[in-house]
Amino acid sequence: MSSEELAEIKKILEQHEKRISDLERLFRSKPIESKEELSIKEFFLQKQPKSNADKTLVIGYYLERYRGVSPFNIKDLESGFREAKETPPKNINLAVIKNIRKGYMMEEKEKKDNLKAWTLTIKGERFVENELGTK
C-alpha cells in the first residue's frame, strides 16, 4: 500500500470519527419532543372501552405504557379513572379479576404500598392495542 493510499484512508477515518462524535453528542442531548404526551382522557376516548373490565384494562395499559407505573394497584386505577373523568366502578377488584380470568392481567408477587398489585400480560397489551378502538 502506498503512502498516498494510507493518507487517503486516514482522511476517511478522521471524517468518520468526526461524524460519529457529532452523532454521539446528539444522543446525549435532550431529545426533541414532537408532540405533547397523550392524556389519559384522550387515550380513553381513542380506545372507547365499554365494560368496567375493559375500562380498567385501558387504564392499566395507560399507566404502564405512558406513565411507567408498573405494577399498579387499586389506588393507581382509581386515580386513573378520575383523571379520565370516568366514574370508577364500585368494585374495581371485580374488574381486575375478570381481566385476570381472560389472561389480560396478572397479580404481582410483591405488593405495592401494602396493596395487591397487578401488571398487564402480553395478551392484555395486544388486546388494548389491536382490538379496542378499532371498530
N, C-alpha and C. Protein backbone atom coordinates (compact mmCIF):
# COMPACT_ATOMS: atom_id res chain seq x y z
N MET A 1 0.85 -1.17 0.00
CA MET A 1 0.00 0.00 0.00
C MET A 1 0.90 1.24 0.00
N SER A 2 0.58 2.15 -0.88
CA SER A 2 1.40 3.36 -0.99
C SER A 2 1.06 4.35 0.12
N SER A 3 1.94 5.32 0.30
CA SER A 3 1.73 6.34 1.33
C SER A 3 0.53 7.22 0.97
N GLU A 4 0.27 7.38 -0.33
CA GLU A 4 -0.90 8.16 -0.76
C GLU A 4 -2.20 7.43 -0.37
N GLU A 5 -2.23 6.13 -0.55
CA GLU A 5 -3.41 5.33 -0.18
C GLU A 5 -3.62 5.37 1.33
N LEU A 6 -2.54 5.25 2.09
CA LEU A 6 -2.64 5.32 3.55
C LEU A 6 -3.15 6.69 4.00
N ALA A 7 -2.68 7.74 3.35
CA ALA A 7 -3.12 9.09 3.69
C ALA A 7 -4.62 9.24 3.40
N GLU A 8 -5.07 8.68 2.29
CA GLU A 8 -6.49 8.74 1.93
C GLU A 8 -7.35 7.98 2.95
N ILE A 9 -6.90 6.80 3.36
CA ILE A 9 -7.62 6.01 4.37
C ILE A 9 -7.67 6.75 5.69
N LYS A 10 -6.56 7.38 6.07
CA LYS A 10 -6.51 8.14 7.32
C LYS A 10 -7.50 9.30 7.27
N LYS A 11 -7.58 9.98 6.13
CA LYS A 11 -8.50 11.11 5.95
C LYS A 11 -9.95 10.64 6.10
N ILE A 12 -10.27 9.51 5.47
CA ILE A 12 -11.63 8.96 5.54
C ILE A 12 -11.98 8.57 6.98
N LEU A 13 -11.04 7.93 7.68
CA LEU A 13 -11.27 7.55 9.08
C LEU A 13 -11.50 8.77 9.96
N GLU A 14 -10.74 9.82 9.74
CA GLU A 14 -10.92 11.04 10.53
C GLU A 14 -12.30 11.65 10.29
N GLN A 15 -12.77 11.61 9.04
CA GLN A 15 -14.12 12.12 8.72
C GLN A 15 -15.19 11.28 9.44
N HIS A 16 -14.99 9.96 9.44
CA HIS A 16 -15.94 9.08 10.12
C HIS A 16 -15.93 9.33 11.63
N GLU A 17 -14.78 9.51 12.20
CA GLU A 17 -14.67 9.79 13.64
C GLU A 17 -15.42 11.07 13.99
N LYS A 18 -15.30 12.09 13.15
CA LYS A 18 -15.99 13.35 13.41
C LYS A 18 -17.50 13.15 13.34
N ARG A 19 -17.96 12.41 12.33
CA ARG A 19 -19.40 12.16 12.19
C ARG A 19 -19.94 11.38 13.38
N ILE A 20 -19.19 10.37 13.81
CA ILE A 20 -19.61 9.57 14.97
C ILE A 20 -19.66 10.44 16.22
N SER A 21 -18.66 11.28 16.39
CA SER A 21 -18.62 12.16 17.55
C SER A 21 -19.82 13.11 17.56
N ASP A 22 -20.15 13.65 16.39
CA ASP A 22 -21.31 14.54 16.28
C ASP A 22 -22.61 13.81 16.61
N LEU A 23 -22.73 12.58 16.12
CA LEU A 23 -23.93 11.78 16.41
C LEU A 23 -24.04 11.45 17.90
N GLU A 24 -22.94 11.10 18.52
CA GLU A 24 -22.95 10.81 19.96
C GLU A 24 -23.36 12.02 20.75
N ARG A 25 -22.91 13.20 20.33
CA ARG A 25 -23.30 14.44 21.02
C ARG A 25 -24.81 14.65 20.92
N LEU A 26 -25.38 14.34 19.76
CA LEU A 26 -26.84 14.45 19.58
C LEU A 26 -27.60 13.51 20.52
N PHE A 27 -27.11 12.29 20.66
CA PHE A 27 -27.77 11.31 21.52
C PHE A 27 -27.71 11.73 22.99
N ARG A 28 -26.66 12.40 23.37
CA ARG A 28 -26.53 12.81 24.77
C ARG A 28 -27.40 14.02 25.09
N SER A 29 -27.72 14.82 24.08
CA SER A 29 -28.55 15.99 24.32
C SER A 29 -29.99 15.55 24.52
N LYS A 30 -30.79 16.45 25.05
CA LYS A 30 -32.20 16.14 25.31
C LYS A 30 -32.93 15.93 23.99
N PRO A 31 -33.69 14.84 23.88
CA PRO A 31 -34.42 14.60 22.63
C PRO A 31 -35.49 15.66 22.39
N ILE A 32 -35.72 15.94 21.15
CA ILE A 32 -36.75 16.90 20.77
C ILE A 32 -38.10 16.20 20.84
N GLU A 33 -39.02 16.80 21.57
CA GLU A 33 -40.34 16.19 21.69
C GLU A 33 -41.22 16.73 20.57
N SER A 34 -41.77 15.81 19.81
CA SER A 34 -42.54 16.21 18.65
C SER A 34 -43.98 16.59 18.99
N LYS A 35 -44.49 16.04 20.07
CA LYS A 35 -45.86 16.37 20.45
C LYS A 35 -46.03 16.14 21.94
N GLU A 36 -47.11 16.71 22.47
CA GLU A 36 -47.40 16.53 23.88
C GLU A 36 -47.81 15.09 24.15
N GLU A 37 -47.59 14.68 25.40
CA GLU A 37 -47.99 13.33 25.79
C GLU A 37 -49.51 13.21 25.72
N LEU A 38 -49.95 12.09 25.26
CA LEU A 38 -51.37 11.80 25.18
C LEU A 38 -51.92 11.72 26.60
N SER A 39 -53.00 12.45 26.88
CA SER A 39 -53.58 12.39 28.21
C SER A 39 -54.38 11.10 28.37
N ILE A 40 -54.61 10.73 29.60
CA ILE A 40 -55.37 9.50 29.86
C ILE A 40 -56.79 9.63 29.32
N LYS A 41 -57.34 10.83 29.39
CA LYS A 41 -58.69 11.07 28.87
C LYS A 41 -58.71 10.88 27.35
N GLU A 42 -57.71 11.43 26.65
CA GLU A 42 -57.64 11.26 25.20
C GLU A 42 -57.47 9.79 24.82
N PHE A 43 -56.62 9.08 25.58
CA PHE A 43 -56.40 7.67 25.31
C PHE A 43 -57.69 6.88 25.50
N PHE A 44 -58.41 7.22 26.55
CA PHE A 44 -59.68 6.58 26.86
C PHE A 44 -60.67 6.79 25.71
N LEU A 45 -60.73 8.02 25.20
CA LEU A 45 -61.64 8.34 24.10
C LEU A 45 -61.24 7.60 22.82
N GLN A 46 -59.93 7.40 22.61
CA GLN A 46 -59.48 6.64 21.43
C GLN A 46 -59.90 5.18 21.51
N LYS A 47 -59.75 4.59 22.67
CA LYS A 47 -59.98 3.15 22.82
C LYS A 47 -61.45 2.80 23.03
N GLN A 48 -62.25 3.73 23.53
CA GLN A 48 -63.69 3.55 23.72
C GLN A 48 -64.07 2.25 24.41
N PRO A 49 -63.51 1.97 25.58
CA PRO A 49 -63.90 0.75 26.28
C PRO A 49 -65.33 0.85 26.78
N LYS A 50 -66.04 -0.27 26.75
CA LYS A 50 -67.46 -0.27 27.16
C LYS A 50 -67.66 -0.84 28.57
N SER A 51 -67.12 -2.01 28.82
CA SER A 51 -67.34 -2.66 30.12
C SER A 51 -66.37 -2.12 31.17
N ASN A 52 -66.71 -2.34 32.43
CA ASN A 52 -65.81 -1.92 33.51
C ASN A 52 -64.47 -2.65 33.43
N ALA A 53 -64.50 -3.91 33.02
CA ALA A 53 -63.26 -4.67 32.89
C ALA A 53 -62.38 -4.05 31.80
N ASP A 54 -62.97 -3.70 30.66
CA ASP A 54 -62.19 -3.07 29.59
C ASP A 54 -61.68 -1.69 29.99
N LYS A 55 -62.50 -0.94 30.69
CA LYS A 55 -62.07 0.39 31.16
C LYS A 55 -60.88 0.25 32.12
N THR A 56 -60.96 -0.71 33.00
CA THR A 56 -59.87 -0.95 33.96
C THR A 56 -58.60 -1.38 33.23
N LEU A 57 -58.76 -2.22 32.22
CA LEU A 57 -57.63 -2.67 31.42
C LEU A 57 -56.97 -1.51 30.68
N VAL A 58 -57.78 -0.64 30.10
CA VAL A 58 -57.26 0.52 29.37
C VAL A 58 -56.48 1.44 30.31
N ILE A 59 -56.99 1.65 31.49
CA ILE A 59 -56.29 2.50 32.46
C ILE A 59 -54.98 1.84 32.89
N GLY A 60 -55.01 0.54 33.14
CA GLY A 60 -53.78 -0.18 33.48
C GLY A 60 -52.75 -0.08 32.37
N TYR A 61 -53.20 -0.23 31.14
CA TYR A 61 -52.31 -0.11 29.98
C TYR A 61 -51.68 1.28 29.93
N TYR A 62 -52.52 2.30 30.09
CA TYR A 62 -52.02 3.68 30.05
C TYR A 62 -50.99 3.92 31.15
N LEU A 63 -51.29 3.45 32.35
CA LEU A 63 -50.36 3.64 33.46
C LEU A 63 -49.00 3.01 33.16
N GLU A 64 -49.01 1.82 32.61
CA GLU A 64 -47.75 1.14 32.29
C GLU A 64 -47.03 1.80 31.13
N ARG A 65 -47.73 2.04 30.04
CA ARG A 65 -47.12 2.48 28.79
C ARG A 65 -46.71 3.94 28.81
N TYR A 66 -47.57 4.81 29.33
CA TYR A 66 -47.33 6.24 29.25
C TYR A 66 -46.78 6.85 30.54
N ARG A 67 -47.02 6.20 31.65
CA ARG A 67 -46.56 6.76 32.93
C ARG A 67 -45.42 5.96 33.55
N GLY A 68 -45.19 4.76 33.06
CA GLY A 68 -44.14 3.92 33.63
C GLY A 68 -44.52 3.38 35.00
N VAL A 69 -45.81 3.32 35.31
CA VAL A 69 -46.30 2.80 36.59
C VAL A 69 -46.55 1.31 36.43
N SER A 70 -45.63 0.50 36.93
CA SER A 70 -45.79 -0.94 36.85
C SER A 70 -45.00 -1.57 37.98
N PRO A 71 -45.62 -2.32 38.81
CA PRO A 71 -47.03 -2.69 38.80
C PRO A 71 -47.90 -1.53 39.29
N PHE A 72 -49.19 -1.68 39.12
CA PHE A 72 -50.15 -0.69 39.60
C PHE A 72 -51.08 -1.34 40.60
N ASN A 73 -51.67 -0.52 41.48
CA ASN A 73 -52.59 -1.05 42.49
C ASN A 73 -53.95 -0.37 42.36
N ILE A 74 -54.84 -0.67 43.27
CA ILE A 74 -56.20 -0.14 43.19
C ILE A 74 -56.22 1.38 43.27
N LYS A 75 -55.33 1.96 44.07
CA LYS A 75 -55.29 3.43 44.17
C LYS A 75 -54.87 4.05 42.84
N ASP A 76 -53.90 3.42 42.15
CA ASP A 76 -53.48 3.91 40.84
C ASP A 76 -54.64 3.86 39.85
N LEU A 77 -55.39 2.75 39.87
CA LEU A 77 -56.52 2.60 38.96
C LEU A 77 -57.61 3.62 39.27
N GLU A 78 -57.95 3.80 40.54
CA GLU A 78 -58.96 4.79 40.92
C GLU A 78 -58.56 6.18 40.45
N SER A 79 -57.31 6.52 40.66
CA SER A 79 -56.80 7.82 40.24
C SER A 79 -56.90 7.96 38.71
N GLY A 80 -56.59 6.89 37.99
CA GLY A 80 -56.69 6.91 36.53
C GLY A 80 -58.12 7.13 36.06
N PHE A 81 -59.08 6.49 36.72
CA PHE A 81 -60.49 6.70 36.37
C PHE A 81 -60.86 8.17 36.55
N ARG A 82 -60.48 8.73 37.67
CA ARG A 82 -60.84 10.13 37.95
C ARG A 82 -60.17 11.08 36.95
N GLU A 83 -58.92 10.81 36.63
CA GLU A 83 -58.19 11.65 35.67
C GLU A 83 -58.82 11.55 34.28
N ALA A 84 -59.35 10.39 33.94
CA ALA A 84 -60.02 10.20 32.65
C ALA A 84 -61.44 10.75 32.67
N LYS A 85 -61.84 11.26 33.83
CA LYS A 85 -63.20 11.80 34.03
C LYS A 85 -64.26 10.72 33.86
N GLU A 86 -63.93 9.52 34.34
CA GLU A 86 -64.82 8.38 34.33
C GLU A 86 -65.14 8.00 35.77
N THR A 87 -66.37 7.62 36.01
CA THR A 87 -66.74 7.16 37.34
C THR A 87 -66.11 5.79 37.57
N PRO A 88 -65.34 5.65 38.64
CA PRO A 88 -64.75 4.33 38.91
C PRO A 88 -65.84 3.31 39.21
N PRO A 89 -65.66 2.07 38.80
CA PRO A 89 -66.65 1.04 39.15
C PRO A 89 -66.70 0.88 40.67
N LYS A 90 -67.85 0.45 41.17
CA LYS A 90 -67.99 0.26 42.62
C LYS A 90 -67.02 -0.79 43.12
N ASN A 91 -66.69 -1.77 42.27
CA ASN A 91 -65.77 -2.82 42.68
C ASN A 91 -64.70 -3.01 41.60
N ILE A 92 -63.64 -2.21 41.70
CA ILE A 92 -62.54 -2.31 40.73
C ILE A 92 -61.90 -3.69 40.80
N ASN A 93 -61.83 -4.27 42.00
CA ASN A 93 -61.23 -5.59 42.14
C ASN A 93 -61.93 -6.63 41.27
N LEU A 94 -63.26 -6.53 41.16
CA LEU A 94 -64.01 -7.46 40.31
C LEU A 94 -63.60 -7.29 38.85
N ALA A 95 -63.42 -6.04 38.41
CA ALA A 95 -62.98 -5.77 37.03
C ALA A 95 -61.58 -6.36 36.80
N VAL A 96 -60.71 -6.24 37.80
CA VAL A 96 -59.37 -6.80 37.70
C VAL A 96 -59.45 -8.32 37.60
N ILE A 97 -60.28 -8.93 38.44
CA ILE A 97 -60.43 -10.39 38.43
C ILE A 97 -60.90 -10.87 37.05
N LYS A 98 -61.84 -10.15 36.46
CA LYS A 98 -62.32 -10.52 35.11
C LYS A 98 -61.17 -10.47 34.10
N ASN A 99 -60.31 -9.46 34.22
CA ASN A 99 -59.16 -9.35 33.32
C ASN A 99 -58.14 -10.45 33.57
N ILE A 100 -57.98 -10.85 34.81
CA ILE A 100 -57.07 -11.96 35.13
C ILE A 100 -57.61 -13.25 34.51
N ARG A 101 -58.91 -13.47 34.64
CA ARG A 101 -59.53 -14.68 34.07
C ARG A 101 -59.39 -14.74 32.54
N LYS A 102 -59.44 -13.57 31.90
CA LYS A 102 -59.28 -13.52 30.45
C LYS A 102 -57.81 -13.63 30.04
N GLY A 103 -56.91 -13.54 31.01
CA GLY A 103 -55.49 -13.60 30.71
C GLY A 103 -54.89 -12.26 30.33
N TYR A 104 -55.60 -11.16 30.64
CA TYR A 104 -55.14 -9.82 30.27
C TYR A 104 -54.28 -9.17 31.36
N MET A 105 -54.45 -9.60 32.59
CA MET A 105 -53.68 -9.07 33.71
C MET A 105 -53.19 -10.23 34.55
N MET A 106 -52.18 -9.94 35.38
CA MET A 106 -51.73 -10.94 36.34
C MET A 106 -51.32 -10.22 37.62
N GLU A 107 -51.49 -10.94 38.72
CA GLU A 107 -51.13 -10.37 40.02
C GLU A 107 -49.62 -10.47 40.21
N GLU A 108 -49.05 -9.44 40.77
CA GLU A 108 -47.62 -9.43 41.09
C GLU A 108 -47.40 -10.11 42.43
N LYS A 109 -46.26 -10.73 42.61
CA LYS A 109 -45.95 -11.36 43.89
C LYS A 109 -45.76 -10.32 44.98
N GLU A 110 -45.09 -9.24 44.63
CA GLU A 110 -44.83 -8.17 45.60
C GLU A 110 -46.01 -7.20 45.64
N LYS A 111 -46.34 -6.75 46.86
CA LYS A 111 -47.39 -5.75 46.99
C LYS A 111 -46.81 -4.36 46.70
N LYS A 112 -47.68 -3.43 46.38
CA LYS A 112 -47.28 -2.04 46.17
C LYS A 112 -48.02 -1.20 47.19
N ASP A 113 -47.29 -0.51 48.03
CA ASP A 113 -47.88 0.29 49.11
C ASP A 113 -48.81 -0.56 49.98
N ASN A 114 -48.40 -1.77 50.24
CA ASN A 114 -49.15 -2.71 51.09
C ASN A 114 -50.49 -3.14 50.48
N LEU A 115 -50.65 -2.95 49.18
CA LEU A 115 -51.87 -3.36 48.48
C LEU A 115 -51.51 -4.32 47.35
N LYS A 116 -52.46 -5.18 46.98
CA LYS A 116 -52.23 -6.06 45.84
C LYS A 116 -51.87 -5.22 44.63
N ALA A 117 -51.00 -5.77 43.79
CA ALA A 117 -50.56 -5.04 42.61
C ALA A 117 -50.65 -5.96 41.39
N TRP A 118 -50.85 -5.35 40.23
CA TRP A 118 -51.02 -6.11 39.00
C TRP A 118 -50.20 -5.50 37.87
N THR A 119 -50.00 -6.32 36.84
CA THR A 119 -49.41 -5.85 35.58
C THR A 119 -50.23 -6.45 34.45
N LEU A 120 -50.10 -5.86 33.27
CA LEU A 120 -50.74 -6.43 32.10
C LEU A 120 -49.90 -7.58 31.56
N THR A 121 -50.56 -8.51 30.94
CA THR A 121 -49.85 -9.58 30.23
C THR A 121 -49.68 -9.13 28.78
N ILE A 122 -48.90 -9.88 28.03
CA ILE A 122 -48.74 -9.57 26.61
C ILE A 122 -50.11 -9.66 25.92
N LYS A 123 -50.89 -10.65 26.30
CA LYS A 123 -52.23 -10.81 25.72
C LYS A 123 -53.08 -9.56 25.99
N GLY A 124 -53.00 -9.02 27.21
CA GLY A 124 -53.74 -7.82 27.56
C GLY A 124 -53.26 -6.60 26.78
N GLU A 125 -51.95 -6.48 26.62
CA GLU A 125 -51.40 -5.37 25.85
C GLU A 125 -51.89 -5.43 24.40
N ARG A 126 -51.84 -6.63 23.83
CA ARG A 126 -52.27 -6.79 22.43
C ARG A 126 -53.75 -6.50 22.26
N PHE A 127 -54.55 -6.90 23.25
CA PHE A 127 -55.99 -6.64 23.19
C PHE A 127 -56.24 -5.13 23.14
N VAL A 128 -55.58 -4.39 24.02
CA VAL A 128 -55.77 -2.93 24.04
C VAL A 128 -55.27 -2.30 22.73
N GLU A 129 -54.12 -2.75 22.26
CA GLU A 129 -53.52 -2.17 21.05
C GLU A 129 -54.29 -2.51 19.78
N ASN A 130 -54.79 -3.74 19.68
CA ASN A 130 -55.34 -4.20 18.40
C ASN A 130 -56.85 -4.35 18.35
N GLU A 131 -57.49 -4.50 19.49
CA GLU A 131 -58.93 -4.77 19.48
C GLU A 131 -59.77 -3.55 19.86
N LEU A 132 -59.37 -2.86 20.90
CA LEU A 132 -60.16 -1.73 21.39
C LEU A 132 -59.96 -0.51 20.50
N GLY A 133 -61.03 0.20 20.26
CA GLY A 133 -60.96 1.44 19.48
C GLY A 133 -60.78 1.24 18.00
N THR A 134 -60.93 0.01 17.51
CA THR A 134 -60.74 -0.24 16.08
C THR A 134 -62.05 -0.44 15.34
N LYS A 135 -63.14 -0.42 16.07
CA LYS A 135 -64.45 -0.69 15.43
C LYS A 135 -65.18 0.58 15.13
